[in-house]
Amino acid sequence: MLTKNDIKLIARLKQKKYRIQEGLFVVEGIKTIKEFIESSFKLHQIYTTETFGLSTSLETIISETELNKISFFTNPNTALALFKLPDVIENKEASGLIVVLDTINDPGNLGTIIRLCDWFGVSKLVCSKDTVDCYNPKVVQSTMGSLTRVKIAYVDLECYLETTKLPIYGTFMNGENVYKTNKLPQNSILVMGNEANGISSNIEALVSKRLAIPRFGNIQETESLNVATATAIILSEFKRYV
């Protein structure tokens, strides 16, 4: 049975401060929930119209009407689950390609970039502290389970980049044509900037190699690509010769 306290708790988890306070975040949809259950994330409670066959202490059977009350979706998908926030990931130097995000604001963009990292085998994503929270319900949903496979750290970007030994690549309108660049190293950092303003000036100063995606169309009104789309193109070029 769904209680008023359940409804109140879930509604509060839409906001980051309450997710931190409660140590919980929301996952919706059977397929995505199953991926989280099978991962290292710890299930706190699941509210579902169809049993998952879990322990009765973790599973609450509810009606579709009750699911509508707690879901963040316009069209709820059978189940909503609460998972415990993981421990904060330590910021350790890693090998391989690392994607760094400088102030990404849109949950959909972050979710898509997490999926892209998963697709291209990028296991670590480093975000500025003012990038949208990866446990925002919209981010979680748009990752389609990839959040279980990509490690995400929120750091002081300037300090992080100042201390790394890896080459730092960044995307700019006036950078080198990425299609004409020599083989891109797999042990490196790729910085992607804010949707409206790109890479901030203090981070730009730390970039050692500037890349650009050339525009082939004639329509000058198209000022730039969506950051998630640009990330897909650049990651594809990094993986071209793997």
Protein backbone atom coordinates (compact mmCIF):
# COMPACT_ATOMS: atom_id res chain seq x y z
CA MET A 1 0.00 0.00 0.00
CA LEU A 2 1.23 3.45 -0.91
CA THR A 3 1.34 5.81 2.08
CA LYS A 4 1.28 9.60 2.27
CA ASN A 5 4.85 9.49 3.55
CA ASP A 6 5.86 7.49 0.45
CA ILE A 7 4.27 10.08 -1.83
CA LYS A 8 5.92 12.94 0.05
CA LEU A 9 9.36 11.29 0.02
CA ILE A 10 9.30 10.52 -3.70
CA ALA A 11 8.13 14.03 -4.59
CA ARG A 12 11.02 15.50 -2.57
CA LEU A 13 13.55 13.39 -4.48
CA LYS A 14 12.99 15.53 -7.56
CA GLN A 15 15.28 18.07 -5.91
CA LYS A 16 19.01 17.49 -5.47
CA LYS A 17 19.17 18.73 -1.87
CA TYR A 18 16.60 16.16 -0.78
CA ARG A 19 18.28 13.36 -2.74
CA ILE A 20 21.45 14.12 -0.80
CA GLN A 21 19.54 14.45 2.48
CA GLU A 22 17.70 11.14 2.03
CA GLY A 23 20.54 9.35 0.25
CA LEU A 24 18.13 8.14 -2.43
CA PHE A 25 17.24 8.68 -6.09
CA VAL A 26 14.41 7.59 -8.39
CA VAL A 27 14.52 5.12 -11.28
CA GLU A 28 11.48 4.43 -13.46
CA GLY A 29 10.60 1.77 -16.02
CA ILE A 30 10.96 -2.01 -15.74
CA LYS A 31 13.95 -2.40 -18.06
CA THR A 32 15.98 0.37 -16.44
CA ILE A 33 15.08 -0.75 -12.92
CA LYS A 34 16.24 -4.29 -13.70
CA GLU A 35 19.58 -2.95 -14.94
CA PHE A 36 20.06 -1.06 -11.67
CA ILE A 37 19.05 -4.12 -9.61
CA GLU A 38 21.63 -6.22 -11.46
CA SER A 39 24.34 -3.59 -10.95
CA SER A 40 26.25 -2.50 -7.83
CA PHE A 41 23.51 0.01 -6.91
CA LYS A 42 21.53 -0.96 -3.80
CA LEU A 43 17.74 -1.10 -4.03
CA HIS A 44 15.86 0.70 -1.27
CA GLN A 45 12.23 0.17 -2.34
CA ILE A 46 10.22 -0.60 -5.46
CA TYR A 47 6.62 0.40 -6.12
CA THR A 48 5.11 -1.66 -8.90
CA THR A 49 1.79 -2.72 -10.45
CA GLU A 50 3.38 -6.09 -11.37
CA THR A 51 5.53 -8.09 -8.96
CA PHE A 52 9.27 -8.37 -9.58
CA GLY A 53 9.41 -11.38 -7.28
CA LEU A 54 11.63 -9.56 -4.79
CA SER A 55 11.58 -9.66 -1.02
CA THR A 56 8.26 -8.33 0.26
CA SER A 57 10.16 -5.85 2.42
CA LEU A 58 11.57 -4.23 -0.74
CA GLU A 59 8.52 -4.54 -3.00
CA THR A 60 5.25 -2.66 -2.64
CA ILE A 61 2.41 -3.61 -4.99
CA ILE A 62 0.37 -0.56 -5.97
CA SER A 63 -2.41 0.33 -8.39
CA GLU A 64 -1.98 2.25 -11.63
CA THR A 65 -3.75 5.19 -9.98
CA GLU A 66 -1.20 5.16 -7.16
CA LEU A 67 1.68 4.90 -9.64
CA ASN A 68 0.34 8.00 -11.41
CA LYS A 69 0.57 9.88 -8.11
CA ILE A 70 4.28 9.22 -7.64
CA SER A 71 5.64 8.97 -11.19
CA PHE A 72 7.57 11.83 -12.78
CA PHE A 73 6.43 10.56 -16.20
CA THR A 74 3.37 11.67 -18.12
CA ASN A 75 2.77 8.00 -18.97
CA PRO A 76 4.16 5.87 -16.10
CA ASN A 77 5.77 2.54 -16.99
CA THR A 78 4.58 -0.10 -14.47
CA ALA A 79 7.17 0.57 -11.77
CA LEU A 80 9.13 3.18 -9.84
CA ALA A 81 12.09 2.31 -7.64
CA LEU A 82 14.23 4.08 -5.08
CA PHE A 83 17.93 3.29 -5.03
CA LYS A 84 20.57 4.38 -2.56
CA LEU A 85 23.04 7.01 -3.70
CA PRO A 86 26.49 5.44 -4.08
CA ASP A 87 29.53 6.61 -2.19
CA VAL A 88 31.26 9.64 -3.67
CA ILE A 89 33.71 8.52 -6.36
CA GLU A 90 37.30 9.44 -5.57
CA ASN A 91 38.97 11.53 -8.22
CA LYS A 92 41.93 9.36 -9.17
CA GLU A 93 44.02 9.61 -12.31
CA ALA A 94 42.81 6.99 -14.76
CA SER A 95 43.96 5.57 -18.06
CA GLY A 96 41.97 5.59 -21.25
CA LEU A 97 39.82 8.35 -22.67
CA ILE A 98 38.12 10.53 -20.04
CA VAL A 99 35.27 12.88 -20.93
CA VAL A 100 35.12 16.11 -18.91
CA LEU A 101 32.02 18.31 -18.81
CA ASP A 102 32.26 22.03 -18.09
CA THR A 103 28.90 23.29 -16.75
CA ILE A 104 26.38 21.18 -18.65
CA ASN A 105 22.93 22.41 -17.58
CA ASP A 106 20.42 20.34 -19.52
CA PRO A 107 19.47 16.94 -17.98
CA GLY A 108 18.75 15.49 -21.42
CA ASN A 109 22.21 16.45 -22.66
CA LEU A 110 23.94 14.91 -19.66
CA GLY A 111 21.88 11.72 -19.96
CA THR A 112 22.71 11.40 -23.64
CA ILE A 113 26.42 12.00 -23.00
CA ILE A 114 26.41 9.27 -20.34
CA ARG A 115 24.88 6.89 -22.90
CA LEU A 116 27.51 7.93 -25.44
CA CYS A 117 30.30 7.22 -22.96
CA ASP A 118 28.80 3.78 -22.40
CA TRP A 119 28.52 3.16 -26.16
CA PHE A 120 32.08 4.25 -26.93
CA GLY A 121 33.63 2.44 -23.97
CA VAL A 122 34.44 5.52 -21.91
CA SER A 123 34.22 4.32 -18.33
CA LYS A 124 34.84 7.62 -16.52
CA LEU A 125 33.04 10.95 -16.82
CA VAL A 126 34.29 13.96 -14.86
CA CYS A 127 31.89 16.86 -14.30
CA SER A 128 32.28 20.37 -12.95
CA LYS A 129 30.50 20.88 -9.66
CA ASP A 130 27.90 23.10 -11.35
CA THR A 131 26.99 20.50 -13.97
CA VAL A 132 23.46 19.09 -13.53
CA ASP A 133 23.25 16.21 -11.04
CA CYS A 134 23.49 12.80 -12.70
CA TYR A 135 20.79 11.48 -10.31
CA ASN A 136 18.25 14.03 -11.50
CA PRO A 137 15.20 11.91 -12.55
CA LYS A 138 15.37 13.23 -16.13
CA VAL A 139 19.06 12.36 -16.39
CA VAL A 140 18.52 8.87 -14.96
CA GLN A 141 15.71 8.20 -17.42
CA SER A 142 17.61 9.47 -20.45
CA THR A 143 20.66 7.30 -19.66
CA MET A 144 18.51 4.16 -20.21
CA GLY A 145 20.63 2.20 -17.71
CA SER A 146 24.05 3.46 -18.83
CA LEU A 147 24.41 5.21 -15.48
CA THR A 148 25.14 1.77 -14.00
CA ARG A 149 28.24 1.36 -16.19
CA VAL A 150 29.84 4.83 -16.30
CA LYS A 151 31.61 6.19 -13.21
CA ILE A 152 30.86 9.87 -12.66
CA ALA A 153 32.81 12.27 -10.47
CA TYR A 154 32.02 15.93 -9.65
CA VAL A 155 35.17 17.94 -9.08
CA ASP A 156 36.82 21.33 -9.16
CA LEU A 157 37.66 21.16 -12.87
CA GLU A 158 40.45 23.69 -12.80
CA CYS A 159 42.32 21.81 -10.06
CA TYR A 160 41.67 18.50 -11.77
CA LEU A 161 43.03 19.63 -15.14
CA GLU A 162 46.00 21.44 -13.60
CA THR A 163 47.22 18.23 -11.99
CA THR A 164 46.56 15.68 -14.75
CA LYS A 165 49.42 14.25 -16.79
CA LEU A 166 47.16 13.42 -19.74
CA PRO A 167 46.88 15.61 -22.86
CA ILE A 168 43.76 17.79 -22.75
CA TYR A 169 41.60 18.19 -25.85
CA GLY A 170 38.78 20.72 -26.11
CA THR A 171 36.16 21.61 -28.70
CA PHE A 172 36.07 25.12 -30.17
CA MET A 173 34.67 26.81 -33.26
CA ASN A 174 38.20 27.83 -34.30
CA GLY A 175 40.00 24.59 -33.51
CA GLU A 176 41.72 22.14 -35.86
CA ASN A 177 39.39 20.21 -38.17
CA VAL A 178 38.82 16.96 -36.28
CA TYR A 179 38.58 15.02 -39.57
CA LYS A 180 42.08 16.12 -40.54
CA THR A 181 43.69 15.54 -37.15
CA ASN A 182 46.24 12.78 -36.74
CA LYS A 183 45.26 9.69 -34.78
CA LEU A 184 43.84 10.88 -31.45
CA PRO A 185 45.41 9.27 -28.35
CA GLN A 186 43.30 6.87 -26.29
CA ASN A 187 44.91 8.06 -23.05
CA SER A 188 43.66 11.61 -22.99
CA ILE A 189 40.99 14.00 -21.75
CA LEU A 190 38.19 15.45 -23.87
CA VAL A 191 36.55 18.62 -22.52
CA MET A 192 33.03 19.54 -23.66
CA GLY A 193 31.63 22.94 -22.75
CA ASN A 194 28.39 24.59 -21.70
CA GLU A 195 25.41 24.58 -24.09
CA ALA A 196 25.35 28.37 -24.50
CA ASN A 197 28.87 29.53 -23.70
CA GLY A 198 31.16 26.63 -24.53
CA ILE A 199 34.29 25.96 -22.49
CA SER A 200 34.89 28.60 -19.81
CA SER A 201 37.97 30.82 -20.13
CA ASN A 202 39.79 29.40 -17.09
CA ILE A 203 39.38 25.85 -18.44
CA GLU A 204 40.21 26.92 -22.00
CA ALA A 205 43.61 28.10 -20.77
CA LEU A 206 44.42 24.53 -19.71
CA VAL A 207 43.50 22.90 -23.02
CA SER A 208 46.53 21.68 -24.96
CA LYS A 209 44.80 20.79 -28.24
CA ARG A 210 41.84 22.60 -29.81
CA LEU A 211 39.46 20.59 -32.01
CA ALA A 212 36.61 21.75 -34.23
CA ILE A 213 33.79 20.06 -36.12
CA PRO A 214 33.64 21.81 -39.50
CA ARG A 215 30.35 23.04 -40.89
CA PHE A 216 29.60 21.78 -44.40
CA GLY A 217 26.21 23.44 -44.83
CA ASN A 218 25.69 26.93 -46.23
CA ILE A 219 23.16 28.15 -43.67
CA GLN A 220 25.06 30.66 -41.55
CA GLU A 221 22.29 30.91 -38.95
CA THR A 222 23.37 27.55 -37.54
CA GLU A 223 25.85 28.81 -34.97
CA SER A 224 26.82 25.55 -33.26
CA LEU A 225 25.92 21.92 -32.65
CA ASN A 226 24.09 20.58 -29.63
CA VAL A 227 26.73 19.53 -27.08
CA ALA A 228 25.55 15.91 -26.99
CA THR A 229 25.66 15.71 -30.79
CA ALA A 230 29.15 17.24 -30.82
CA THR A 231 30.27 14.74 -28.16
CA ALA A 232 29.07 11.85 -30.33
CA ILE A 233 31.04 13.11 -33.34
CA ILE A 234 34.26 13.73 -31.40
CA LEU A 235 34.11 10.40 -29.57
CA SER A 236 33.61 8.64 -32.87
CA GLU A 237 36.81 10.25 -34.16
CA PHE A 238 38.73 9.27 -31.03
CA LYS A 239 37.66 5.66 -31.57
CA ARG A 240 38.14 5.59 -35.33
CA TYR A 241 41.49 3.77 -35.26
CA VAL A 242 41.00 1.61 -32.16
